[in-house]
Structures are given as C-alpha cells and as structure tokens.
Amino acid sequence: MVDWRQIIREDDIVYVNPPKFFGEKKSTVYPETDEYEKFIEGHRRMLRQILEARPMAIAYSFARSSSMAIHPNLGDVEDIVKESGYKLWFRSLMSGSDALYVWVRPDIVGRHGIEITGEKTWMDDQPHQYVMQHHYRGRSVHVDFRVKIGGRLYGWTLNDQRMGSIKEEVTSLKQAKELEKNWERISKLTNKPFEYWENRILVEPKAPEPLEWLDVEGVVPPGEVGATKIYPGVFSIIDKGRLYFGAVKPYYIEMFLQGKRFTGRWVIRKIPNPWGEHPAFVWFIMKPKDQMPYVLSKRAVTKKWMPPRGISALPPEIRRQIPREYRYWMVDDTKKAREIRDKLVEAIRKGEVKITIPKKWLGSRNEFVLQYQWWRGPIIIRRGPSRQQWLLWMDDECYSLDADPTMGEVTATLLENVPSEYRDYGKKEPQEVEPGTPLNPTKKTPSFIAVIDHGSYEVIDDEPLFRKIRFNGKLLDGLYVMERENPNTDLWILRRTETINNSS
C-alpha cells in the first residue's frame, strides 16, 4: 500500500522490471562473459533513454536472482540514475533480496508532498510517534511496528508468535485482548533485554503507509486488506509512544523506545541467515543486553562512525548526562567532534564520566525518592543563601528543589556527579551528611537528610524543553510538568498539572 500513486499521477511514473539474463555466466555475483556485458549495456541504454525523457518518478523493481537467471546490479542502476540527478525517494525492502526503489526528479522535491527521507535522515534527535499492533488472521499473529517519519509511516513486520500458542481462530478485538493478558504465552517480544539468537524474531521491512495506520484498531472483514479470504483481520494496539533514532546504517537501525510496554534500546539488524538457507541475509530485532548507545561504544570509535553533524544519536535520558565539555554534537568541525566523542568513550571506560542506564530500559519500574535536607546554619547554594533544600531523585538523576514540590511551583536544578548511594540516605530516620561531600559542600556546617516520600513514576512526555511526569507516591502524586527555556541549562520549573495532552 505504497502511497506514491496518491501523490504522483500514474502517467508520470515509469515502472521498470529489469530483464533476466539466461546466458552463460561464470558467477551470479560477478558475471564476466561477453553475452552478459552486451545484456547489461543494452539495459543501461534503456535506462538512460527513460531518464532523458525526465519522468516525474521512476520505480524500479529488484527481484531476487534465481539459479537460472540474474538481474542487473543495483549499484550499476544507482550510478546511472544519480548521473541524471534523480533523488531516492524511498526504498521498500521485501522478503529475501526483493526490493522496490523509487527515484524522483530533483525539481519536484518539496512539492506534491514529496520529501526525501532516506534512512540517514532518520537520525535527527527528535521524537517520532510509533505504534505496535498485533495483527491476527485466524490462528496466526505478528506485530506491525510503524514509525512516523515526515508525512508517512515506515515500519516492519515482527514475527513474534510462539508457534502453536493460539488454539482458536481470533475473530474479535475482545478475543485478542484476552489473549494478550497472558503476553508471554503468545509472544516472544519482551521488554527484558535479549539477543537475536535467543528469541529469533524475524523482521520484514514494510512499504511506506499513510498516517491513518497510527490509530488502526478493530476488525477488518474477510477479503479486505489485512484479512484473508476466510478469516477477518484483527488489529490490536499493544504499544504506543515515542522513539528516538540512534545509529542508522543500511544494515543496522538503532532505536530508543519510550512506550507503555516497551522501553530502552532496540536494534533491527541484517545478519547472515542462521539457518543457512535462502535468502543469504535476514533481518532480526533484539533488545541488546548492553543498553549503552552505539555512538558511545568502543566499536563506533574503532570504525570511526559518527552521526551527521549536529546530531548526538542519543536519547534525552542519556544526552543530558553528558558533561558539557564532551558534547560532541555541539561542535561544527567534524574531525574535532569525533575527537571529543572518542575522549568521551575513553572517559566512560575509565569511570571518569558515569552514564546511568535508566532502570526502565532493563524492564524495571521507574522509582523516585523525595528527600528533605537541612543545615544548622545558613549556607550558600546555587540559588543563594539557604538553610534547606528538597532533593528529588528519579532513578539516578538528582534534582535540588528550592521548596516542597507538593505545595506548589518550584525551581529544580539538576545536580551533577552526586553518587546514587545518597538516594538511600534518611530512609528510616534522619541521617547526617558530612561536610565536604557532594551534598554538603560546607567546611563545618552539619547537615541532615530525611526521606519524606517515595514511589514510582512514569514519563509521559520527554522533550528538550518540556517533560510531563506522573508520580505515584503518598505525597508526590499526580501529573507534573518540567519546563526550561534553554536546552543547555540544568535549571527547570517543576509544577503540578491536571491534564494530559493526548495530541502530543
């Protein structure tokens, strides 16, 4: 259900189904016979003639090579198309090595709703809406995973079903929801980290689709799109949220999910077929046990891989932990940026920079702790003279508050380099904080900390300048927003709110 036909008239598209070569050949990968060269040269002439006519778009189908025939090389075709100035609009990867490439004339980019959204442009440090739907047909089910990029949805089919787990044909949404109450009985997809060889969830890229699919849930009658001739198609939304793209390569897509069911670092990767069958390479999805982003890995340093200039390839939860002197994405010079990134990775390895992976990424519940700290005499802290402060811990992040957040609007300052062991101070009774320590920088003034509330929390919205959080404690309870004017400051305003903006 590709949507280019809805934007470009059929008469303005040239479809190319490449011819097959059946002549004598030495290799299906590198043919070197005269017959093949004549065949390829004829195909090149045909392509150039088509492109000289300047159609609005050219759609080229690449089918897998059989043992009896081979097709023109993709790289050869791409070179000819690029010579003519055409831009790759999108590619739709099918099963095996089948694919459909659509190139558009450069003068229409930005018109007719056409945007160039190659995979590399997905790395934008911006949140993208996504939806996961369980798609039932009879006793079979798979996940349709769709992500909003520009004005379309890109996505993948995840073959997550545990074979034989569905005993009766699914014909209603109620029936689907009932099955999903026992999630792990029917699905291999889990929020706990797993490597691809453990769950072996095969992935097939989907063709671009319209945005309406973001909210599809219900039953499609037999015979219609999404159903079979006999059984209806049942779509059940299993997760919704936002994701950030990390490292993106032709064979590797890293994503950081912020959903209700699924969170953390996920990777869709193309690898050699573990079953040794055709096709030679297949796509798998996994949630790596190493949740550290690829850009901060030793492998990224060794491979000299860097995201585009100005892009961190990090989600907000990690990006805000990076000290200012190591923020490589804020440096314009590409070489200098890579040097800073490499130093950051080394500093992380040595323990000089601590990066905390959110517990929720590991399948754990987010926890907060609210502490009250006081001194026996006035001290100077960032906001000025004071005898007290409140400390709000969200997992391993610690914020200093100028007032009690349960009583009204407060100023919150993110504290750096505060060991997480202080989060447990004052759990049972007030506990002294010695002078000369991170939470008591005075020389002699005694200080004490007591826990006044704790519980779980859920991040509903997470933007560079805005966060929306639901706290579930005895005192700190309900919806709160955090706002700041500058993404490079650690100073926030924290206040209670009563509504959730579902349109976000």
Protein backbone atom coordinates (compact mmCIF):
# COMPACT_ATOMS: atom_id res chain seq x y z
CA MET A 1 0.00 0.00 0.00
CA VAL A 2 2.69 2.42 -1.04
CA ASP A 3 1.32 5.92 -1.34
CA TRP A 4 3.30 7.49 -4.20
CA ARG A 5 0.40 6.79 -6.58
CA GLN A 6 -1.74 9.08 -4.45
CA ILE A 7 0.79 11.91 -4.93
CA ILE A 8 2.15 11.37 -8.44
CA ARG A 9 -0.17 10.57 -11.33
CA GLU A 10 0.19 7.11 -12.82
CA ASP A 11 1.08 8.66 -16.20
CA ASP A 12 4.10 10.41 -14.63
CA ILE A 13 5.65 7.20 -13.26
CA VAL A 14 7.86 4.86 -15.26
CA TYR A 15 7.92 1.32 -13.89
CA VAL A 16 10.99 -0.75 -14.71
CA ASN A 17 11.01 -4.52 -14.26
CA PRO A 18 14.60 -5.43 -15.15
CA PRO A 19 15.13 -8.18 -17.71
CA LYS A 20 16.67 -11.50 -16.74
CA PHE A 21 19.92 -12.84 -18.14
CA PHE A 22 19.85 -16.55 -19.00
CA GLY A 23 23.13 -16.75 -20.92
CA GLU A 24 26.38 -18.43 -19.98
CA LYS A 25 27.95 -16.92 -16.88
CA LYS A 26 30.86 -17.61 -14.55
CA SER A 27 29.19 -16.32 -11.40
CA THR A 28 25.79 -14.98 -10.40
CA VAL A 29 27.60 -12.24 -8.49
CA TYR A 30 30.35 -11.22 -10.91
CA PRO A 31 29.40 -12.32 -14.46
CA GLU A 32 32.25 -11.76 -16.89
CA THR A 33 31.07 -13.18 -20.22
CA ASP A 34 30.64 -11.17 -23.43
CA GLU A 35 26.95 -12.10 -23.53
CA TYR A 36 26.37 -10.60 -20.11
CA GLU A 37 28.22 -7.39 -21.00
CA LYS A 38 26.04 -6.97 -24.09
CA PHE A 39 22.96 -7.61 -21.97
CA ILE A 40 23.98 -5.02 -19.36
CA GLU A 41 24.94 -2.40 -21.95
CA GLY A 42 21.53 -2.73 -23.56
CA HIS A 43 19.88 -2.25 -20.18
CA ARG A 44 22.00 0.85 -19.49
CA ARG A 45 20.93 2.39 -22.80
CA MET A 46 17.29 1.72 -21.97
CA LEU A 47 17.63 3.38 -18.54
CA ARG A 48 19.34 6.44 -19.99
CA GLN A 49 16.62 6.83 -22.63
CA ILE A 50 13.96 6.68 -19.92
CA LEU A 51 15.77 9.27 -17.79
CA GLU A 52 16.35 11.60 -20.75
CA ALA A 53 12.56 11.84 -21.06
CA ARG A 54 12.59 13.31 -17.49
CA PRO A 55 9.61 11.47 -15.98
CA MET A 56 8.46 12.68 -12.58
CA ALA A 57 9.41 9.35 -10.99
CA ILE A 58 10.99 6.03 -11.87
CA ALA A 59 10.01 2.92 -9.90
CA TYR A 60 12.50 0.07 -10.25
CA SER A 61 11.77 -3.47 -9.04
CA PHE A 62 14.68 -5.62 -7.98
CA ALA A 63 13.74 -9.29 -7.70
CA ARG A 64 16.00 -11.95 -6.23
CA SER A 65 18.21 -13.84 -8.63
CA SER A 66 17.30 -17.45 -9.30
CA SER A 67 19.63 -20.28 -10.18
CA MET A 68 18.55 -19.87 -13.80
CA ALA A 69 18.75 -16.11 -14.24
CA ILE A 70 20.27 -12.93 -12.82
CA HIS A 71 19.29 -9.26 -12.89
CA PRO A 72 21.31 -6.07 -13.44
CA ASN A 73 23.41 -4.99 -10.47
CA LEU A 74 21.79 -2.47 -8.07
CA GLY A 75 24.95 -0.37 -7.87
CA ASP A 76 25.09 -0.10 -11.66
CA VAL A 77 21.48 1.10 -11.77
CA GLU A 78 22.03 3.61 -8.94
CA ASP A 79 25.05 5.13 -10.70
CA ILE A 80 23.05 5.75 -13.87
CA VAL A 81 20.10 7.25 -12.00
CA LYS A 82 22.33 9.52 -9.90
CA GLU A 83 24.09 10.76 -13.05
CA SER A 84 20.71 12.11 -14.15
CA GLY A 85 20.23 13.97 -10.86
CA TYR A 86 17.30 11.92 -9.61
CA LYS A 87 16.86 11.58 -5.84
CA LEU A 88 16.00 8.39 -3.99
CA TRP A 89 12.54 8.97 -2.54
CA PHE A 90 12.31 5.69 -0.68
CA ARG A 91 13.01 2.02 -0.94
CA SER A 92 10.73 -0.80 0.10
CA LEU A 93 12.64 -3.91 1.13
CA MET A 94 10.61 -7.07 0.69
CA SER A 95 11.38 -10.63 1.75
CA GLY A 96 14.73 -12.07 0.77
CA SER A 97 16.55 -9.70 -1.55
CA ASP A 98 13.45 -8.36 -3.32
CA ALA A 99 13.14 -4.57 -3.26
CA LEU A 100 11.38 -1.63 -4.88
CA TYR A 101 13.28 1.65 -5.32
CA VAL A 102 11.55 4.90 -6.29
CA TRP A 103 13.60 7.87 -7.55
CA VAL A 104 12.06 11.30 -8.19
CA ARG A 105 13.10 14.22 -10.38
CA PRO A 106 15.02 16.76 -8.24
CA ASP A 107 12.85 19.75 -9.16
CA ILE A 108 9.75 18.24 -7.52
CA VAL A 109 11.36 17.59 -4.14
CA GLY A 110 9.49 19.71 -1.61
CA ARG A 111 6.38 19.80 -3.82
CA HIS A 112 3.38 17.49 -4.08
CA GLY A 113 4.04 16.32 -0.50
CA ILE A 114 7.32 14.71 -1.58
CA GLU A 115 10.13 14.67 0.98
CA ILE A 116 13.42 12.84 0.74
CA THR A 117 13.61 10.61 3.83
CA GLY A 118 16.49 8.21 3.38
CA GLU A 119 17.46 6.20 6.43
CA LYS A 120 20.36 8.54 7.27
CA THR A 121 17.92 11.45 7.69
CA TRP A 122 16.14 9.48 10.42
CA MET A 123 18.96 10.49 12.77
CA ASP A 124 17.53 13.83 13.87
CA ASP A 125 17.50 13.69 17.71
CA GLN A 126 13.74 14.31 17.52
CA PRO A 127 10.91 12.19 18.95
CA HIS A 128 8.90 10.12 16.48
CA GLN A 129 5.48 8.67 17.17
CA TYR A 130 5.22 4.92 16.86
CA VAL A 131 2.58 2.24 17.23
CA MET A 132 2.76 -1.53 17.56
CA GLN A 133 -0.32 -3.53 16.59
CA HIS A 134 -0.84 -7.25 16.95
CA HIS A 135 -2.28 -8.33 13.61
CA TYR A 136 -4.33 -11.53 13.85
CA ARG A 137 -5.50 -13.68 10.96
CA GLY A 138 -7.05 -16.94 12.08
CA ARG A 139 -4.58 -18.62 14.45
CA SER A 140 -1.59 -16.58 13.29
CA VAL A 141 -0.39 -13.26 14.67
CA HIS A 142 2.51 -10.88 14.10
CA VAL A 143 3.44 -7.34 15.14
CA ASP A 144 3.05 -4.40 12.77
CA PHE A 145 5.59 -1.84 14.01
CA ARG A 146 5.10 1.60 12.41
CA VAL A 147 7.03 4.85 12.95
CA LYS A 148 6.05 8.34 11.80
CA ILE A 149 8.83 9.89 9.70
CA GLY A 150 7.86 13.04 7.85
CA GLY A 151 4.39 12.63 6.40
CA ARG A 152 4.42 8.83 6.19
CA LEU A 153 4.80 5.72 8.29
CA TYR A 154 7.79 3.45 7.88
CA GLY A 155 7.81 0.12 9.59
CA TRP A 156 8.47 -3.55 9.97
CA THR A 157 6.61 -6.81 10.41
CA LEU A 158 7.87 -8.65 13.51
CA ASN A 159 7.25 -12.38 13.52
CA ASP A 160 6.89 -12.69 17.28
CA GLN A 161 4.35 -15.51 17.65
CA ARG A 162 5.15 -18.56 19.73
CA MET A 163 4.16 -21.38 17.43
CA GLY A 164 1.01 -23.23 18.44
CA SER A 165 0.17 -20.67 21.13
CA ILE A 166 -3.21 -19.70 19.63
CA LYS A 167 -5.64 -22.62 19.77
CA GLU A 168 -8.72 -20.96 18.23
CA GLU A 169 -9.21 -18.55 15.33
CA VAL A 170 -9.21 -14.92 16.51
CA THR A 171 -12.22 -13.08 15.09
CA SER A 172 -12.82 -10.20 17.54
CA LEU A 173 -10.86 -7.48 19.32
CA LYS A 174 -12.18 -8.72 22.67
CA GLN A 175 -10.74 -12.16 21.94
CA ALA A 176 -7.37 -10.60 21.02
CA LYS A 177 -7.23 -8.52 24.22
CA GLU A 178 -8.00 -11.60 26.29
CA LEU A 179 -5.09 -13.48 24.70
CA GLU A 180 -2.75 -10.55 25.34
CA LYS A 181 -3.37 -10.71 29.08
CA ASN A 182 -1.02 -13.71 29.03
CA TRP A 183 1.51 -11.92 26.84
CA GLU A 184 4.50 -14.22 27.15
CA ARG A 185 2.42 -17.26 26.20
CA ILE A 186 1.78 -15.93 22.70
CA SER A 187 4.69 -13.55 22.01
CA LYS A 188 8.49 -13.80 22.00
CA LEU A 189 8.72 -9.99 22.18
CA THR A 190 9.67 -8.93 25.70
CA ASN A 191 10.86 -5.73 27.34
CA LYS A 192 13.63 -7.65 29.09
CA PRO A 193 16.89 -7.45 27.10
CA PHE A 194 17.53 -10.36 24.74
CA GLU A 195 19.95 -11.09 21.90
CA TYR A 196 18.66 -12.02 18.46
CA TRP A 197 19.69 -15.68 18.74
CA GLU A 198 17.69 -16.12 21.96
CA ASN A 199 14.23 -15.20 20.65
CA ARG A 200 14.89 -15.28 16.88
CA ILE A 201 12.25 -12.73 15.92
CA LEU A 202 12.46 -12.33 12.16
CA VAL A 203 11.74 -8.90 10.70
CA GLU A 204 10.44 -7.86 7.27
CA PRO A 205 10.50 -4.17 6.25
CA LYS A 206 7.11 -2.74 5.31
CA ALA A 207 6.25 -0.41 2.46
CA PRO A 208 5.59 3.25 3.46
CA GLU A 209 1.99 3.78 4.58
CA PRO A 210 -0.38 6.70 5.33
CA LEU A 211 -0.59 8.16 8.84
CA GLU A 212 -4.06 6.71 9.45
CA TRP A 213 -2.40 3.44 10.46
CA LEU A 214 -1.22 5.07 13.72
CA ASP A 215 -4.69 4.61 15.21
CA VAL A 216 -5.97 1.47 13.49
CA GLU A 217 -7.60 -0.96 15.92
CA GLY A 218 -10.51 -3.27 15.27
CA VAL A 219 -11.74 -5.90 12.83
CA VAL A 220 -11.35 -5.99 9.03
CA PRO A 221 -13.87 -8.24 7.22
CA PRO A 222 -12.63 -11.30 5.28
CA GLY A 223 -11.42 -10.49 1.79
CA GLU A 224 -10.25 -6.96 2.61
CA VAL A 225 -6.73 -5.61 3.18
CA GLY A 226 -5.31 -7.15 6.34
CA ALA A 227 -7.63 -10.17 6.28
CA THR A 228 -7.71 -13.50 4.46
CA LYS A 229 -10.45 -14.85 2.22
CA ILE A 230 -11.78 -16.88 5.13
CA TYR A 231 -10.79 -15.07 8.34
CA PRO A 232 -11.08 -11.41 9.35
CA GLY A 233 -8.04 -9.34 10.18
CA VAL A 234 -7.97 -8.20 13.81
CA PHE A 235 -5.73 -5.27 14.79
CA SER A 236 -4.99 -4.77 18.49
CA ILE A 237 -2.78 -1.88 19.64
CA ILE A 238 -0.22 -3.34 22.06
CA ASP A 239 2.03 -0.31 22.49
CA LYS A 240 2.18 3.38 21.61
CA GLY A 241 4.74 6.02 22.37
CA ARG A 242 7.73 7.87 21.05
CA LEU A 243 11.13 6.76 19.89
CA TYR A 244 14.45 8.37 19.08
CA PHE A 245 16.72 7.02 16.38
CA GLY A 246 20.30 6.24 17.33
CA ALA A 247 22.83 4.91 14.83
CA VAL A 248 21.29 4.13 11.44
CA LYS A 249 23.15 2.25 8.70
CA PRO A 250 21.96 0.28 5.65
CA TYR A 251 22.08 -2.94 7.70
CA TYR A 252 21.58 -1.58 11.24
CA ILE A 253 18.83 0.53 12.82
CA GLU A 254 19.09 1.57 16.48
CA MET A 255 16.02 2.96 18.27
CA PHE A 256 15.27 4.14 21.80
CA LEU A 257 11.65 3.46 22.74
CA GLN A 258 9.52 5.37 25.24
CA GLY A 259 6.35 3.32 25.30
CA LYS A 260 3.91 1.84 27.79
CA ARG A 261 5.01 -1.76 27.21
CA PHE A 262 8.41 -1.39 25.53
CA THR A 263 11.29 0.90 26.51
CA GLY A 264 15.00 1.32 26.01
CA ARG A 265 17.47 0.48 23.28
CA TRP A 266 16.32 -1.75 20.41
CA VAL A 267 18.17 -2.80 17.27
CA ILE A 268 16.91 -4.11 13.94
CA ARG A 269 19.84 -5.73 12.18
CA LYS A 270 20.56 -7.63 8.98
CA ILE A 271 22.73 -10.70 9.55
CA PRO A 272 23.68 -13.91 7.72
CA ASN A 273 20.81 -16.39 7.72
CA PRO A 274 21.44 -18.59 10.80
CA TRP A 275 19.58 -21.46 9.14
CA GLY A 276 21.92 -21.39 6.14
CA GLU A 277 19.00 -21.15 3.74
CA HIS A 278 17.94 -18.70 1.04
CA PRO A 279 17.98 -15.72 1.39
CA ALA A 280 21.58 -15.38 2.50
CA PHE A 281 20.80 -12.46 4.84
CA VAL A 282 17.77 -11.83 7.06
CA TRP A 283 16.60 -9.10 9.46
CA PHE A 284 16.19 -9.67 13.21
CA ILE A 285 15.05 -7.45 16.08
CA MET A 286 16.64 -7.56 19.51
CA LYS A 287 16.88 -5.58 22.71
CA PRO A 288 20.63 -5.85 23.42
CA LYS A 289 21.74 -6.68 26.94
CA ASP A 290 24.26 -3.87 26.51
CA GLN A 291 21.94 -0.85 26.58
CA MET A 292 24.72 1.69 26.02
CA PRO A 293 24.08 3.61 22.76
CA TYR A 294 26.20 2.56 19.78
CA VAL A 295 27.74 6.03 19.32
CA LEU A 296 29.33 5.65 22.78
CA SER A 297 30.73 2.19 22.09
CA LYS A 298 34.32 1.13 21.50
CA ARG A 299 33.19 -0.32 18.17
CA ALA A 300 31.94 3.09 16.98
CA VAL A 301 35.34 4.55 17.85
CA THR A 302 37.22 1.74 16.09
CA LYS A 303 35.02 2.03 12.99
CA LYS A 304 35.28 5.85 13.13
CA TRP A 305 31.49 6.00 12.89
CA MET A 306 29.85 9.33 13.68
CA PRO A 307 26.29 10.63 13.27
CA PRO A 308 25.65 13.61 10.96
CA ARG A 309 26.96 16.97 12.14
CA GLY A 310 24.90 18.46 14.96
CA ILE A 311 23.28 15.11 15.83
CA SER A 312 24.06 13.18 19.02
CA ALA A 313 22.34 9.87 18.10
CA LEU A 314 21.41 9.71 21.80
CA PRO A 315 18.01 9.72 23.53
CA PRO A 316 17.29 12.52 26.05
CA GLU A 317 17.83 10.19 29.04
CA ILE A 318 21.47 9.72 28.03
CA ARG A 319 22.13 13.03 26.27
CA ARG A 320 21.51 15.12 29.38
CA GLN A 321 24.06 13.03 31.35
CA ILE A 322 26.92 14.03 29.03
CA PRO A 323 29.14 16.75 30.59
CA ARG A 324 29.28 19.95 28.54
CA GLU A 325 32.93 19.53 27.60
CA TYR A 326 32.10 16.19 25.95
CA ARG A 327 29.04 17.24 23.93
CA TYR A 328 30.48 16.42 20.51
CA TRP A 329 27.25 17.23 18.66
CA MET A 330 27.63 20.91 19.54
CA VAL A 331 30.94 21.15 17.63
CA ASP A 332 30.75 22.14 13.95
CA ASP A 333 34.12 20.72 12.89
CA THR A 334 33.59 17.03 12.04
CA LYS A 335 37.13 15.93 12.93
CA LYS A 336 37.08 17.81 16.23
CA ALA A 337 33.65 16.37 17.07
CA ARG A 338 34.94 12.83 16.57
CA GLU A 339 37.98 13.53 18.75
CA ILE A 340 35.69 14.76 21.55
CA ARG A 341 33.42 11.72 21.17
CA ASP A 342 36.44 9.40 21.34
CA LYS A 343 37.64 11.11 24.53
CA LEU A 344 34.15 10.74 25.99
CA VAL A 345 34.11 6.99 25.31
CA GLU A 346 37.52 6.67 26.96
CA ALA A 347 36.36 8.73 29.96
CA ILE A 348 33.33 6.44 30.33
CA ARG A 349 35.59 3.39 30.17
CA LYS A 350 37.84 4.78 32.91
CA GLY A 351 34.88 5.74 35.10
CA GLU A 352 35.63 9.46 34.85
CA VAL A 353 32.20 10.02 33.29
CA LYS A 354 29.33 7.97 34.64
CA ILE A 355 26.44 7.13 32.33
CA THR A 356 23.47 5.58 34.11
CA ILE A 357 21.14 3.39 32.07
CA PRO A 358 17.52 4.00 33.21
CA LYS A 359 16.12 1.06 35.15
CA LYS A 360 13.02 1.09 32.99
CA TRP A 361 15.17 0.24 29.96
CA LEU A 362 16.08 -3.00 31.69
CA GLY A 363 12.46 -3.94 32.28
CA SER A 364 12.39 -2.39 35.78
CA ARG A 365 9.92 0.12 37.16
CA ASN A 366 10.95 3.79 37.43
CA GLU A 367 11.35 4.85 41.08
CA PHE A 368 11.52 8.29 42.68
CA VAL A 369 12.65 9.42 46.13
CA LEU A 370 11.83 12.82 47.68
CA GLN A 371 14.18 13.94 50.46
CA TYR A 372 14.29 16.96 52.75
CA GLN A 373 17.75 18.32 53.64
CA TRP A 374 18.53 20.99 56.24
CA TRP A 375 21.57 22.68 57.76
CA ARG A 376 22.11 24.04 61.28
CA GLY A 377 23.28 27.31 59.82
CA PRO A 378 22.88 29.30 56.58
CA ILE A 379 24.86 28.13 53.57
CA ILE A 380 25.32 29.38 50.01
CA ILE A 381 23.94 27.10 47.31
CA ARG A 382 23.34 27.82 43.63
CA ARG A 383 20.12 29.75 44.28
CA GLY A 384 21.63 31.86 47.09
CA PRO A 385 21.64 31.75 50.92
CA SER A 386 19.52 28.97 52.39
CA ARG A 387 19.15 26.60 55.33
CA GLN A 388 17.23 23.88 53.46
CA GLN A 389 16.55 22.19 50.14
CA TRP A 390 14.48 19.32 48.81
CA LEU A 391 16.07 16.57 46.72
CA LEU A 392 14.09 14.75 44.06
CA TRP A 393 15.64 11.54 42.74
CA MET A 394 14.28 9.98 39.56
CA ASP A 395 16.23 6.75 39.41
CA ASP A 396 19.85 8.01 39.45
CA GLU A 397 19.13 11.64 38.49
CA CYS A 398 19.12 14.07 41.42
CA TYR A 399 17.41 17.50 41.37
CA SER A 400 17.80 20.20 44.01
CA LEU A 401 14.44 21.95 44.70
CA ASP A 402 14.05 25.34 46.37
CA ALA A 403 10.73 24.38 48.01
CA ASP A 404 8.40 21.47 48.70
CA PRO A 405 7.03 20.33 45.28
CA THR A 406 3.81 19.05 46.85
CA MET A 407 2.93 22.62 47.91
CA GLY A 408 3.34 24.48 44.62
CA GLU A 409 5.67 25.51 41.79
CA VAL A 410 9.39 25.06 42.50
CA THR A 411 12.73 25.61 40.80
CA ALA A 412 14.59 22.36 40.11
CA THR A 413 18.34 22.21 39.39
CA LEU A 414 19.91 19.02 38.05
CA LEU A 415 22.91 18.14 40.23
CA GLU A 416 25.91 16.56 38.55
CA ASN A 417 28.26 13.96 40.00
CA VAL A 418 26.11 13.04 43.01
CA PRO A 419 26.63 9.34 43.84
CA SER A 420 23.40 7.33 43.79
CA GLU A 421 24.15 6.00 47.30
CA TYR A 422 22.76 9.30 48.67
CA ARG A 423 19.34 8.28 47.35
CA ASP A 424 19.04 5.89 50.31
CA TYR A 425 20.02 8.46 52.93
CA GLY A 426 17.37 9.05 55.60
CA LYS A 427 15.10 6.14 54.68
CA LYS A 428 14.39 5.07 58.26
CA GLU A 429 15.44 8.18 60.21
CA PRO A 430 17.28 11.47 59.56
CA GLN A 431 20.87 10.81 58.52
CA GLU A 432 23.82 13.17 58.81
CA VAL A 433 25.66 14.31 55.67
CA GLU A 434 29.29 15.08 56.45
CA PRO A 435 30.79 18.44 55.41
CA GLY A 436 32.97 18.38 52.31
CA THR A 437 30.81 15.84 50.47
CA PRO A 438 28.77 16.32 47.24
CA LEU A 439 25.53 17.11 49.10
CA ASN A 440 27.20 19.19 51.83
CA PRO A 441 29.95 21.36 50.30
CA THR A 442 30.43 23.36 53.53
CA LYS A 443 33.58 23.06 55.63
CA LYS A 444 32.00 22.63 59.07
CA THR A 445 28.21 23.10 58.97
CA PRO A 446 26.33 19.92 59.88
CA SER A 447 23.53 18.77 57.53
CA PHE A 448 20.82 16.11 57.72
CA ILE A 449 18.63 14.30 55.19
CA ALA A 450 15.29 12.54 55.67
CA VAL A 451 13.15 10.72 53.10
CA ILE A 452 9.64 12.19 53.07
CA ASP A 453 8.16 10.26 50.12
CA HIS A 454 8.97 7.58 47.55
CA GLY A 455 7.16 5.63 44.84
CA SER A 456 7.07 5.01 41.11
CA TYR A 457 6.87 7.47 38.24
CA GLU A 458 6.09 7.40 34.53
CA VAL A 459 7.50 9.76 31.90
CA ILE A 460 4.61 10.67 29.59
CA ASP A 461 6.38 13.31 27.51
CA ASP A 462 10.10 14.00 27.17
CA GLU A 463 11.23 16.95 25.04
CA PRO A 464 14.39 19.10 25.26
CA LEU A 465 12.40 21.94 26.89
CA PHE A 466 9.43 20.08 28.35
CA ARG A 467 8.77 16.91 30.33
CA LYS A 468 5.50 15.51 31.65
CA ILE A 469 5.66 13.02 34.50
CA ARG A 470 3.12 11.08 36.55
CA PHE A 471 4.26 10.46 40.14
CA ASN A 472 2.68 7.70 42.21
CA GLY A 473 3.61 8.46 45.82
CA LYS A 474 1.74 9.27 49.04
CA LEU A 475 2.60 12.99 48.95
CA LEU A 476 4.06 13.49 45.48
CA ASP A 477 1.14 12.15 43.50
CA GLY A 478 -0.37 13.08 40.13
CA LEU A 479 0.78 14.81 36.96
CA TYR A 480 3.67 17.27 36.94
CA VAL A 481 5.44 19.19 34.17
CA MET A 482 9.06 20.32 34.00
CA GLU A 483 9.91 23.27 31.74
CA ARG A 484 13.05 25.20 30.86
CA GLU A 485 13.87 27.98 28.39
CA ASN A 486 17.23 26.70 27.14
CA PRO A 487 18.19 23.08 26.34
CA ASN A 488 21.72 23.76 27.60
CA THR A 489 20.69 24.79 31.12
CA ASP A 490 20.11 22.47 34.07
CA LEU A 491 17.52 24.83 35.60
CA TRP A 492 13.87 23.69 35.37
CA ILE A 493 10.50 24.84 36.67
CA LEU A 494 8.54 21.95 38.22
CA ARG A 495 4.81 22.32 38.79
CA ARG A 496 1.72 20.21 39.15
CA THR A 497 -0.78 19.96 36.29
CA GLU A 498 -4.13 18.24 35.99
CA THR A 499 -4.35 17.27 32.33
CA ILE A 500 -2.58 15.11 29.77
CA ASN A 501 -2.32 16.49 26.26
CA ASN A 502 -3.09 13.41 24.16
CA SER A 503 -2.45 15.28 20.93
CA SER A 504 1.26 15.39 21.71
